[in-house]
C-alpha atoms as a PDB file:
ATOM      1  CA  UNK A   1     -10.874   1.425 -27.609  1.00  0.00           C
ATOM      2  CA  UNK A   2      -9.572  -1.293 -25.305  1.00  0.00           C
ATOM      3  CA  UNK A   3      -9.039  -0.284 -21.695  1.00  0.00           C
ATOM      4  CA  UNK A   4      -6.141  -1.982 -20.010  1.00  0.00           C
ATOM      5  CA  UNK A   5      -5.998  -2.703 -16.312  1.00  0.00           C
ATOM      6  CA  UNK A   6      -2.289  -1.919 -16.317  1.00  0.00           C
ATOM      7  CA  UNK A   7      -3.053   1.589 -17.579  1.00  0.00           C
ATOM      8  CA  UNK A   8      -0.216   3.099 -15.537  1.00  0.00           C
ATOM      9  CA  UNK A   9       2.301   0.328 -14.825  1.00  0.00           C
ATOM     10  CA  UNK A  10       2.707  -0.475 -18.523  1.00  0.00           C
ATOM     11  CA  UNK A  11       4.886   2.648 -18.713  1.00  0.00           C
ATOM     12  CA  UNK A  12       7.472   0.655 -16.767  1.00  0.00           C
ATOM     13  CA  UNK A  13       6.778  -2.920 -17.853  1.00  0.00           C
ATOM     14  CA  UNK A  14       6.481  -2.130 -21.565  1.00  0.00           C
ATOM     15  CA  UNK A  15       8.279   1.194 -21.713  1.00  0.00           C
ATOM     16  CA  UNK A  16      11.595   2.193 -23.208  1.00  0.00           C
ATOM     17  CA  UNK A  17      13.582   1.610 -20.005  1.00  0.00           C
ATOM     18  CA  UNK A  18      14.925  -1.913 -20.459  1.00  0.00           C
ATOM     19  CA  UNK A  19      16.766  -1.727 -17.134  1.00  0.00           C
ATOM     20  CA  UNK A  20      13.368  -1.617 -15.426  1.00  0.00           C
ATOM     21  CA  UNK A  21      12.322  -4.770 -17.268  1.00  0.00           C
ATOM     22  CA  UNK A  22      15.538  -6.452 -16.123  1.00  0.00           C
ATOM     23  CA  UNK A  23      14.735  -5.434 -12.555  1.00  0.00           C
ATOM     24  CA  UNK A  24      11.297  -7.056 -12.872  1.00  0.00           C
ATOM     25  CA  UNK A  25      12.939 -10.265 -14.106  1.00  0.00           C
ATOM     26  CA  UNK A  26      15.047 -10.175 -10.947  1.00  0.00           C
ATOM     27  CA  UNK A  27      11.846  -9.989  -8.882  1.00  0.00           C
ATOM     28  CA  UNK A  28      10.721 -13.235 -10.490  1.00  0.00           C
ATOM     29  CA  UNK A  29       8.346 -11.782 -13.071  1.00  0.00           C
ATOM     30  CA  UNK A  30       7.381 -13.939 -16.019  1.00  0.00           C
ATOM     31  CA  UNK A  31       6.593 -12.535 -19.462  1.00  0.00           C
ATOM     32  CA  UNK A  32       2.830 -12.614 -18.792  1.00  0.00           C
ATOM     33  CA  UNK A  33       3.296 -10.641 -15.553  1.00  0.00           C
ATOM     34  CA  UNK A  34       4.442  -7.613 -17.529  1.00  0.00           C
ATOM     35  CA  UNK A  35       0.858  -7.098 -18.733  1.00  0.00           C
ATOM     36  CA  UNK A  36      -0.837  -7.493 -15.345  1.00  0.00           C
ATOM     37  CA  UNK A  37      -2.107  -4.561 -13.326  1.00  0.00           C
ATOM     38  CA  UNK A  38       0.017  -3.686 -10.302  1.00  0.00           C
ATOM     39  CA  UNK A  39      -1.614  -2.849  -6.978  1.00  0.00           C
ATOM     40  CA  UNK A  40       0.186  -1.135  -4.114  1.00  0.00           C
ATOM     41  CA  UNK A  41      -0.949  -2.440  -0.728  1.00  0.00           C
ATOM     42  CA  UNK A  42      -0.308   0.115   2.003  1.00  0.00           C
ATOM     43  CA  UNK A  43       0.300  -1.445   5.392  1.00  0.00           C
ATOM     44  CA  UNK A  44       1.142   0.258   8.705  1.00  0.00           C
ATOM     45  CA  UNK A  45       4.181  -1.520  10.089  1.00  0.00           C
ATOM     46  CA  UNK A  46       4.598  -1.293  13.842  1.00  0.00           C
ATOM     47  CA  UNK A  47       4.749  -4.579  15.700  1.00  0.00           C
ATOM     48  CA  UNK A  48       4.788  -2.625  18.970  1.00  0.00           C
ATOM     49  CA  UNK A  49       1.126  -1.669  18.532  1.00  0.00           C
ATOM     50  CA  UNK A  50      -1.798  -4.047  19.044  1.00  0.00           C
ATOM     51  CA  UNK A  51      -3.662  -2.306  16.213  1.00  0.00           C
ATOM     52  CA  UNK A  52      -0.980  -3.078  13.626  1.00  0.00           C
ATOM     53  CA  UNK A  53       0.863  -6.188  14.797  1.00  0.00           C
ATOM     54  CA  UNK A  54      -1.005  -8.440  12.341  1.00  0.00           C
ATOM     55  CA  UNK A  55      -0.916  -5.962   9.446  1.00  0.00           C
ATOM     56  CA  UNK A  56       2.017  -7.499   7.556  1.00  0.00           C
ATOM     57  CA  UNK A  57       0.390 -10.945   7.555  1.00  0.00           C
ATOM     58  CA  UNK A  58      -2.879  -9.478   6.235  1.00  0.00           C
ATOM     59  CA  UNK A  59      -1.007  -7.581   3.516  1.00  0.00           C
ATOM     60  CA  UNK A  60       0.609 -10.832   2.366  1.00  0.00           C
ATOM     61  CA  UNK A  61      -2.855 -12.426   2.162  1.00  0.00           C
ATOM     62  CA  UNK A  62      -4.097  -9.446   0.126  1.00  0.00           C
ATOM     63  CA  UNK A  63      -1.132  -9.801  -2.228  1.00  0.00           C
ATOM     64  CA  UNK A  64      -2.043 -13.472  -2.688  1.00  0.00           C
ATOM     65  CA  UNK A  65      -5.643 -12.440  -3.376  1.00  0.00           C
ATOM     66  CA  UNK A  66      -4.367 -10.060  -6.047  1.00  0.00           C
ATOM     67  CA  UNK A  67      -2.364 -12.884  -7.640  1.00  0.00           C
ATOM     68  CA  UNK A  68      -5.425 -15.157  -7.525  1.00  0.00           C
ATOM     69  CA  UNK A  69      -7.367 -12.431  -9.376  1.00  0.00           C
ATOM     70  CA  UNK A  70      -4.696 -12.044 -12.075  1.00  0.00           C
ATOM     71  CA  UNK A  71      -3.134  -8.897 -10.584  1.00  0.00           C
ATOM     72  CA  UNK A  72       0.211  -8.225  -8.923  1.00  0.00           C
ATOM     73  CA  UNK A  73      -0.018  -6.939  -5.352  1.00  0.00           C
ATOM     74  CA  UNK A  74       2.941  -5.268  -3.666  1.00  0.00           C
ATOM     75  CA  UNK A  75       2.736  -4.472   0.063  1.00  0.00           C
ATOM     76  CA  UNK A  76       4.578  -1.337   1.166  1.00  0.00           C
ATOM     77  CA  UNK A  77       5.056   0.017   4.661  1.00  0.00           C
ATOM     78  CA  UNK A  78       3.863   3.281   6.175  1.00  0.00           C
ATOM     79  CA  UNK A  79       4.487   4.694   9.672  1.00  0.00           C
ATOM     80  CA  UNK A  80       2.172   3.816  12.533  1.00  0.00           C
ATOM     81  CA  UNK A  81       1.967   5.899  15.722  1.00  0.00           C
ATOM     82  CA  UNK A  82      -0.001   4.347  18.591  1.00  0.00           C
ATOM     83  CA  UNK A  83      -2.177   6.813  20.485  1.00  0.00           C
ATOM     84  CA  UNK A  84      -2.638   4.177  23.186  1.00  0.00           C
ATOM     85  CA  UNK A  85       1.084   4.262  23.921  1.00  0.00           C
ATOM     86  CA  UNK A  86       1.873   7.944  23.284  1.00  0.00           C
ATOM     87  CA  UNK A  87      -1.214   9.577  24.861  1.00  0.00           C
ATOM     88  CA  UNK A  88      -0.241  12.207  27.412  1.00  0.00           C
ATOM     89  CA  UNK A  89       3.422  11.946  26.443  1.00  0.00           C
ATOM     90  CA  UNK A  90       5.516  14.097  24.127  1.00  0.00           C
ATOM     91  CA  UNK A  91       5.143  11.384  21.471  1.00  0.00           C
ATOM     92  CA  UNK A  92       1.428  12.163  21.361  1.00  0.00           C
ATOM     93  CA  UNK A  93       2.314  15.246  19.324  1.00  0.00           C
ATOM     94  CA  UNK A  94       3.238  12.905  16.456  1.00  0.00           C
ATOM     95  CA  UNK A  95      -0.273  11.484  16.191  1.00  0.00           C
ATOM     96  CA  UNK A  96      -1.864  13.912  13.738  1.00  0.00           C
ATOM     97  CA  UNK A  97       1.296  14.464  11.656  1.00  0.00           C
ATOM     98  CA  UNK A  98       1.546  10.686  11.235  1.00  0.00           C
ATOM     99  CA  UNK A  99      -1.715  10.778   9.254  1.00  0.00           C
ATOM    100  CA  UNK A 100      -0.110  13.175   6.782  1.00  0.00           C
ATOM    101  CA  UNK A 101       3.034  11.029   6.682  1.00  0.00           C
ATOM    102  CA  UNK A 102       0.897   8.009   5.763  1.00  0.00           C
ATOM    103  CA  UNK A 103      -0.775  10.005   2.975  1.00  0.00           C
ATOM    104  CA  UNK A 104       2.535  11.355   1.672  1.00  0.00           C
ATOM    105  CA  UNK A 105       4.322   8.000   1.870  1.00  0.00           C
ATOM    106  CA  UNK A 106       1.476   6.224   0.081  1.00  0.00           C
ATOM    107  CA  UNK A 107       1.299   8.832  -2.655  1.00  0.00           C
ATOM    108  CA  UNK A 108       5.073   8.699  -3.072  1.00  0.00           C
ATOM    109  CA  UNK A 109       5.244   4.904  -3.440  1.00  0.00           C
ATOM    110  CA  UNK A 110       2.156   4.509  -5.645  1.00  0.00           C
ATOM    111  CA  UNK A 111       3.102   7.400  -7.940  1.00  0.00           C
ATOM    112  CA  UNK A 112       6.796   6.547  -8.172  1.00  0.00           C
ATOM    113  CA  UNK A 113       6.160   2.890  -9.001  1.00  0.00           C
ATOM    114  CA  UNK A 114       3.306   3.654 -11.437  1.00  0.00           C
ATOM    115  CA  UNK A 115       0.910   1.337  -9.607  1.00  0.00           C
ATOM    116  CA  UNK A 116      -2.485   0.994 -11.263  1.00  0.00           C
ATOM    117  CA  UNK A 117      -4.415   0.927  -7.980  1.00  0.00           C
ATOM    118  CA  UNK A 118      -3.926   1.059  -4.223  1.00  0.00           C
ATOM    119  CA  UNK A 119      -5.355  -0.802  -1.266  1.00  0.00           C
ATOM    120  CA  UNK A 120      -4.959   0.872   2.109  1.00  0.00           C
ATOM    121  CA  UNK A 121      -5.247  -1.388   5.139  1.00  0.00           C
ATOM    122  CA  UNK A 122      -6.941   0.511   7.944  1.00  0.00           C
ATOM    123  CA  UNK A 123      -5.799  -0.667  11.377  1.00  0.00           C
ATOM    124  CA  UNK A 124      -5.883   2.498  13.462  1.00  0.00           C
ATOM    125  CA  UNK A 125      -7.663   5.846  13.475  1.00  0.00           C
ATOM    126  CA  UNK A 126      -4.980   7.587  11.397  1.00  0.00           C
ATOM    127  CA  UNK A 127      -4.266   4.888   8.828  1.00  0.00           C
ATOM    128  CA  UNK A 128      -7.672   5.055   7.143  1.00  0.00           C
ATOM    129  CA  UNK A 129      -7.739   8.857   6.773  1.00  0.00           C
ATOM    130  CA  UNK A 130      -4.098   8.849   5.641  1.00  0.00           C
ATOM    131  CA  UNK A 131      -4.803   6.318   2.896  1.00  0.00           C
ATOM    132  CA  UNK A 132      -8.031   8.145   1.962  1.00  0.00           C
ATOM    133  CA  UNK A 133      -6.101  11.407   1.623  1.00  0.00           C
ATOM    134  CA  UNK A 134      -3.576   9.707  -0.667  1.00  0.00           C
ATOM    135  CA  UNK A 135      -6.322   8.238  -2.850  1.00  0.00           C
ATOM    136  CA  UNK A 136      -8.046  11.629  -3.059  1.00  0.00           C
ATOM    137  CA  UNK A 137      -4.821  13.251  -4.292  1.00  0.00           C
ATOM    138  CA  UNK A 138      -4.023  10.561  -6.871  1.00  0.00           C
ATOM    139  CA  UNK A 139      -6.172   9.519  -9.780  1.00  0.00           C
ATOM    140  CA  UNK A 140      -6.005   5.771  -9.137  1.00  0.00           C
ATOM    141  CA  UNK A 141      -8.691   3.258  -8.200  1.00  0.00           C
ATOM    142  CA  UNK A 142      -8.480   2.204  -4.589  1.00  0.00           C
ATOM    143  CA  UNK A 143      -9.941   0.456  -1.590  1.00  0.00           C
ATOM    144  CA  UNK A 144      -9.715   1.020   2.134  1.00  0.00           C
ATOM    145  CA  UNK A 145     -10.002  -2.263   3.996  1.00  0.00           C
ATOM    146  CA  UNK A 146     -10.321  -2.698   7.736  1.00  0.00           C
ATOM    147  CA  UNK A 147      -7.673  -4.762   9.450  1.00  0.00           C
ATOM    148  CA  UNK A 148     -10.210  -5.861  12.057  1.00  0.00           C
ATOM    149  CA  UNK A 149     -10.478  -5.254  15.764  1.00  0.00           C
ATOM    150  CA  UNK A 150      -7.878  -5.584  18.473  1.00  0.00           C
ATOM    151  CA  UNK A 151      -8.003  -9.001  20.076  1.00  0.00           C
ATOM    152  CA  UNK A 152      -8.182  -9.063  23.877  1.00  0.00           C
ATOM    153  CA  UNK A 153      -5.185 -10.355  25.614  1.00  0.00           C
END
């Protein structure tokens, strides 16, 4: 039995819903792209936080790495609450719930779009656990990758 890397996304790319295929054409897909595995790349988007301000650029590099490996990588955004900014303020109460929001948002996007795998980019102390929680709840292969340290400045 042949195992396909696009074990989940083929439901959309080769399924009965021809409108979905038309949508993929609009995204610039080529015929051969319809058989490639699709990887969701979770990225915390908050330019107002030193931890995350470079996250979008790294996600684009990861998407290119997916393409270089014969996969299709799609960055998607998740919330990012900065403890450094909100500590001691009312906004600090959003810190722990933001971890659950990251998990829920990731699970929602990856499940809804039938991605075959997920990469979570860990830039802050809630991003990593949030992505890990999502991966634990879904039955998809995944990676958690560090976004690196905060540069002084």
